[in-house]
Amino acid sequence: MNKILFLILIGFIASEESKNIIIIGDSRIHEMGYTIFGLGDTKYYSSRYFTNYYAMITPEPVSYNDYNIQIAASQEINELISADYPIYSEVVSLLNNAPEGTNVLFHMGFNGNSLYNFNNIVNFIGKLADKYPKLNFYFVSLIGVDESYTKITNSDIKDFNKKMENRIEIVEFDNLKYKSILNEENPTEIVLGDEVVKILNYVSEGTGFFKKGYSKILDALIEGF
């Protein structure tokens, strides 16, 4: 009987650990933090570039649909993935304190040159996965844009996603996977449960989304954990 109770307890603990999620990203995750969680910014200063910038980080988990979610996001991808910016150290600190089995999701928007920074992005997330073997890392597929607002095309995004998926597969990471939330790799549609969502119906200003859109994206990001 004691053995059965012990196994049940272990299963319960494992289930609780799988509910811990860290979401790392740039402009879209940054805006999601505002619209969904009401998070505010912290002002950071980069001594190398002599500039101020704003980013958000949750030192304590935020409860969302039985998940414990923490967010680390900056508006620009370069601020996030470069050790020259303090937010990078904040990300490292967040991962240092994460419980074993935490799922770490990396998701991007399109401020700055994010779509054209492939190698640096791979190096950033790949080295973090190598450094933290007890955490589960996922690069989540990029979502499309309203092409009438931006020079970025959904074909570009589709190509980037495929390139990232192939790169992660080639390296054979033990704890870094590519996670698609798209319908048949179509960047304009995401899958949420059994529903196919035309996500560009919720777009604002071309690359961002209204609150309902971010809610659907967040639900798709954490689905399955």
Protein backbone atom coordinates (compact mmCIF):
# COMPACT_ATOMS: atom_id res chain seq x y z
CA MET A 1 0.00 0.00 0.00
CA ASN A 2 2.79 2.42 0.93
CA LYS A 3 4.48 1.70 -2.41
CA ILE A 4 1.26 2.53 -4.28
CA LEU A 5 0.87 5.80 -2.37
CA PHE A 6 4.50 6.66 -3.11
CA LEU A 7 4.02 6.09 -6.85
CA ILE A 8 0.86 8.21 -6.81
CA LEU A 9 2.76 10.99 -5.02
CA ILE A 10 5.60 10.85 -7.56
CA GLY A 11 3.10 11.03 -10.41
CA PHE A 12 1.42 14.04 -8.80
CA ILE A 13 4.75 15.85 -8.37
CA ALA A 14 5.72 15.14 -11.99
CA SER A 15 2.36 16.46 -13.13
CA GLU A 16 2.84 19.63 -11.10
CA GLU A 17 6.34 20.15 -12.54
CA SER A 18 5.02 19.87 -16.08
CA LYS A 19 2.74 22.85 -15.35
CA ASN A 20 5.76 25.14 -14.97
CA ILE A 21 6.29 27.14 -18.15
CA ILE A 22 8.74 29.89 -19.06
CA ILE A 23 8.03 31.87 -22.23
CA ILE A 24 10.97 33.77 -23.72
CA GLY A 25 10.54 36.11 -26.66
CA ASP A 26 10.70 39.51 -28.20
CA SER A 27 7.98 41.86 -29.47
CA ARG A 28 4.98 39.50 -29.54
CA ILE A 29 5.65 37.94 -26.14
CA HIS A 30 6.38 41.42 -24.81
CA GLU A 31 2.97 42.65 -25.98
CA MET A 32 1.32 39.44 -24.79
CA GLY A 33 2.66 40.16 -21.30
CA TYR A 34 0.91 43.53 -21.38
CA THR A 35 -2.40 42.41 -22.80
CA ILE A 36 -2.91 39.05 -21.07
CA PHE A 37 -1.10 39.40 -17.75
CA GLY A 38 -1.01 43.16 -17.26
CA LEU A 39 2.75 43.07 -16.78
CA GLY A 40 4.84 46.22 -16.75
CA ASP A 41 8.32 47.04 -17.97
CA THR A 42 11.63 47.44 -16.21
CA LYS A 43 14.04 50.06 -17.50
CA TYR A 44 17.47 48.61 -18.30
CA TYR A 45 20.72 50.29 -19.28
CA SER A 46 23.31 48.78 -21.61
CA SER A 47 26.76 50.12 -20.70
CA ARG A 48 28.25 48.85 -23.94
CA TYR A 49 25.77 50.58 -26.21
CA PHE A 50 25.07 53.52 -23.86
CA THR A 51 21.35 53.17 -24.27
CA ASN A 52 18.23 52.61 -22.22
CA TYR A 53 15.61 50.06 -23.18
CA TYR A 54 12.62 48.34 -21.64
CA ALA A 55 11.96 44.67 -21.02
CA MET A 56 9.74 42.58 -18.79
CA ILE A 57 10.44 39.62 -16.56
CA THR A 58 8.29 37.83 -13.97
CA PRO A 59 10.38 36.88 -10.92
CA GLU A 60 7.40 34.93 -9.59
CA PRO A 61 5.09 32.67 -11.64
CA VAL A 62 1.74 33.99 -12.83
CA SER A 63 -1.21 31.59 -12.65
CA TYR A 64 -2.99 30.92 -15.94
CA ASN A 65 -5.41 28.02 -16.51
CA ASP A 66 -3.65 25.83 -13.92
CA TYR A 67 -0.21 26.64 -15.38
CA ASN A 68 2.54 28.51 -13.60
CA ILE A 69 3.88 30.89 -16.25
CA GLN A 70 6.89 33.17 -16.21
CA ILE A 71 7.79 35.56 -19.02
CA ALA A 72 11.06 37.13 -20.14
CA ALA A 73 10.67 39.45 -23.11
CA SER A 74 12.22 42.47 -24.75
CA GLN A 75 10.91 44.43 -27.71
CA GLU A 76 14.00 43.74 -29.84
CA ILE A 77 15.49 40.30 -30.47
CA ASN A 78 19.07 41.58 -30.19
CA GLU A 79 18.48 42.82 -26.64
CA LEU A 80 17.28 39.39 -25.64
CA ILE A 81 19.95 37.14 -27.16
CA SER A 82 23.07 39.22 -26.52
CA ALA A 83 25.01 39.09 -23.24
CA ASP A 84 25.73 42.81 -23.76
CA TYR A 85 22.19 43.56 -22.54
CA PRO A 86 21.10 43.00 -18.90
CA ILE A 87 17.90 41.17 -19.89
CA TYR A 88 20.12 38.29 -21.03
CA SER A 89 21.39 37.88 -17.44
CA GLU A 90 17.80 38.01 -16.20
CA VAL A 91 16.91 35.12 -18.51
CA VAL A 92 19.85 33.10 -17.19
CA SER A 93 18.78 33.81 -13.62
CA LEU A 94 15.22 32.72 -14.43
CA LEU A 95 16.47 29.41 -15.85
CA ASN A 96 18.87 28.86 -12.93
CA ASN A 97 15.91 28.94 -10.55
CA ALA A 98 13.49 26.92 -12.70
CA PRO A 99 12.28 23.58 -11.29
CA GLU A 100 13.46 20.45 -13.06
CA GLY A 101 11.14 19.55 -15.93
CA THR A 102 10.07 23.15 -16.62
CA ASN A 103 9.04 23.70 -20.23
CA VAL A 104 10.83 26.68 -21.79
CA LEU A 105 9.15 28.08 -24.91
CA PHE A 106 10.92 30.51 -27.26
CA HIS A 107 8.64 32.49 -29.57
CA MET A 108 9.44 35.47 -31.79
CA GLY A 109 7.84 38.53 -33.29
CA PHE A 110 9.20 40.82 -35.97
CA ASN A 111 10.65 43.97 -34.45
CA GLY A 112 14.16 44.79 -35.64
CA ASN A 113 15.94 42.21 -37.79
CA SER A 114 14.64 39.11 -36.01
CA LEU A 115 13.77 37.21 -39.17
CA TYR A 116 17.26 37.71 -40.55
CA ASN A 117 19.19 36.79 -37.40
CA PHE A 118 18.91 33.03 -37.75
CA ASN A 119 22.38 31.91 -36.63
CA ASN A 120 22.43 34.08 -33.49
CA ILE A 121 18.97 32.86 -32.51
CA VAL A 122 19.99 29.22 -32.93
CA ASN A 123 23.14 29.82 -30.88
CA PHE A 124 21.14 31.53 -28.13
CA ILE A 125 18.51 28.86 -27.60
CA GLY A 126 20.82 25.93 -28.40
CA LYS A 127 23.44 26.95 -25.84
CA LEU A 128 20.76 27.48 -23.20
CA ALA A 129 19.42 23.97 -23.89
CA ASP A 130 22.94 22.53 -23.53
CA LYS A 131 23.49 24.45 -20.28
CA TYR A 132 20.21 23.34 -18.70
CA PRO A 133 19.73 19.63 -19.54
CA LYS A 134 17.00 19.21 -16.91
CA LEU A 135 14.74 21.75 -18.61
CA ASN A 136 12.71 21.11 -21.78
CA PHE A 137 13.23 23.72 -24.50
CA TYR A 138 10.97 24.36 -27.49
CA PHE A 139 11.30 26.75 -30.39
CA VAL A 140 7.69 27.54 -31.30
CA SER A 141 6.84 28.22 -34.94
CA LEU A 142 6.55 31.84 -36.02
CA ILE A 143 3.06 33.10 -36.82
CA GLY A 144 2.23 35.10 -39.93
CA VAL A 145 1.65 38.77 -40.62
CA ASP A 146 -0.73 40.98 -42.54
CA GLU A 147 1.46 41.54 -45.59
CA SER A 148 -0.22 44.84 -46.41
CA TYR A 149 1.48 46.36 -43.33
CA THR A 150 5.02 45.00 -43.68
CA LYS A 151 7.72 43.99 -46.14
CA ILE A 152 7.91 40.60 -44.42
CA THR A 153 5.96 37.93 -46.28
CA ASN A 154 4.30 34.81 -44.96
CA SER A 155 6.43 32.86 -47.41
CA ASP A 156 9.53 34.25 -45.63
CA ILE A 157 8.10 33.13 -42.30
CA LYS A 158 7.29 29.66 -43.60
CA ASP A 159 10.86 29.31 -44.91
CA PHE A 160 12.30 30.47 -41.57
CA ASN A 161 10.21 27.93 -39.65
CA LYS A 162 11.33 25.08 -41.90
CA LYS A 163 14.95 26.14 -41.65
CA MET A 164 14.72 26.24 -37.85
CA GLU A 165 12.98 22.87 -37.67
CA ASN A 166 15.67 21.28 -39.86
CA ARG A 167 18.51 22.88 -37.89
CA ILE A 168 17.20 21.65 -34.55
CA GLU A 169 16.71 18.16 -35.97
CA ILE A 170 20.22 18.03 -37.46
CA VAL A 171 21.92 19.00 -34.21
CA GLU A 172 20.05 16.22 -32.35
CA PHE A 173 19.46 18.17 -29.15
CA ASP A 174 18.28 15.99 -26.29
CA ASN A 175 16.08 18.68 -24.77
CA LEU A 176 15.35 21.14 -27.58
CA LYS A 177 12.50 20.47 -29.99
CA TYR A 178 10.66 22.39 -32.67
CA LYS A 179 7.00 22.86 -31.74
CA SER A 180 4.57 23.82 -34.49
CA ILE A 181 1.25 25.41 -33.57
CA LEU A 182 0.37 26.00 -37.24
CA ASN A 183 -2.16 24.27 -39.42
CA GLU A 184 -0.16 22.35 -42.03
CA GLU A 185 2.71 24.87 -41.61
CA ASN A 186 0.49 27.71 -42.82
CA PRO A 187 1.62 30.80 -40.85
CA THR A 188 -1.82 32.42 -41.16
CA GLU A 189 -3.59 29.60 -39.26
CA ILE A 190 -2.96 28.09 -35.84
CA VAL A 191 -4.39 24.92 -34.32
CA LEU A 192 -6.09 25.09 -30.93
CA GLY A 193 -7.50 21.77 -29.83
CA ASP A 194 -9.61 20.55 -32.74
CA GLU A 195 -10.12 24.09 -34.05
CA VAL A 196 -8.24 25.76 -36.89
CA VAL A 197 -8.01 29.49 -36.12
CA LYS A 198 -7.46 32.06 -38.86
CA ILE A 199 -5.18 34.07 -36.61
CA LEU A 200 -4.83 37.07 -38.93
CA ASN A 201 -8.47 37.87 -38.18
CA TYR A 202 -7.12 39.15 -34.85
CA VAL A 203 -4.11 41.06 -36.15
CA SER A 204 -3.42 44.70 -35.24
CA GLU A 205 -0.94 46.92 -37.09
CA GLY A 206 0.27 44.06 -39.23
CA THR A 207 2.45 42.09 -36.81
CA GLY A 208 0.74 42.40 -33.42
CA PHE A 209 -2.63 41.13 -32.19
CA PHE A 210 -5.62 42.24 -30.19
CA LYS A 211 -6.15 40.63 -26.79
CA LYS A 212 -8.38 37.82 -28.09
CA GLY A 213 -5.71 36.89 -30.63
CA TYR A 214 -2.98 36.79 -28.00
CA SER A 215 -5.22 34.62 -25.80
CA LYS A 216 -5.58 32.10 -28.61
CA ILE A 217 -1.84 32.18 -29.33
CA LEU A 218 -1.00 31.67 -25.65
CA ASP A 219 -3.41 28.74 -25.38
CA ALA A 220 -1.81 27.16 -28.46
CA LEU A 221 1.69 27.75 -27.05
CA ILE A 222 1.00 25.89 -23.80
CA GLU A 223 -1.33 23.23 -25.19
CA GLY A 224 -0.02 19.72 -24.62
CA PHE A 225 2.01 20.43 -21.49
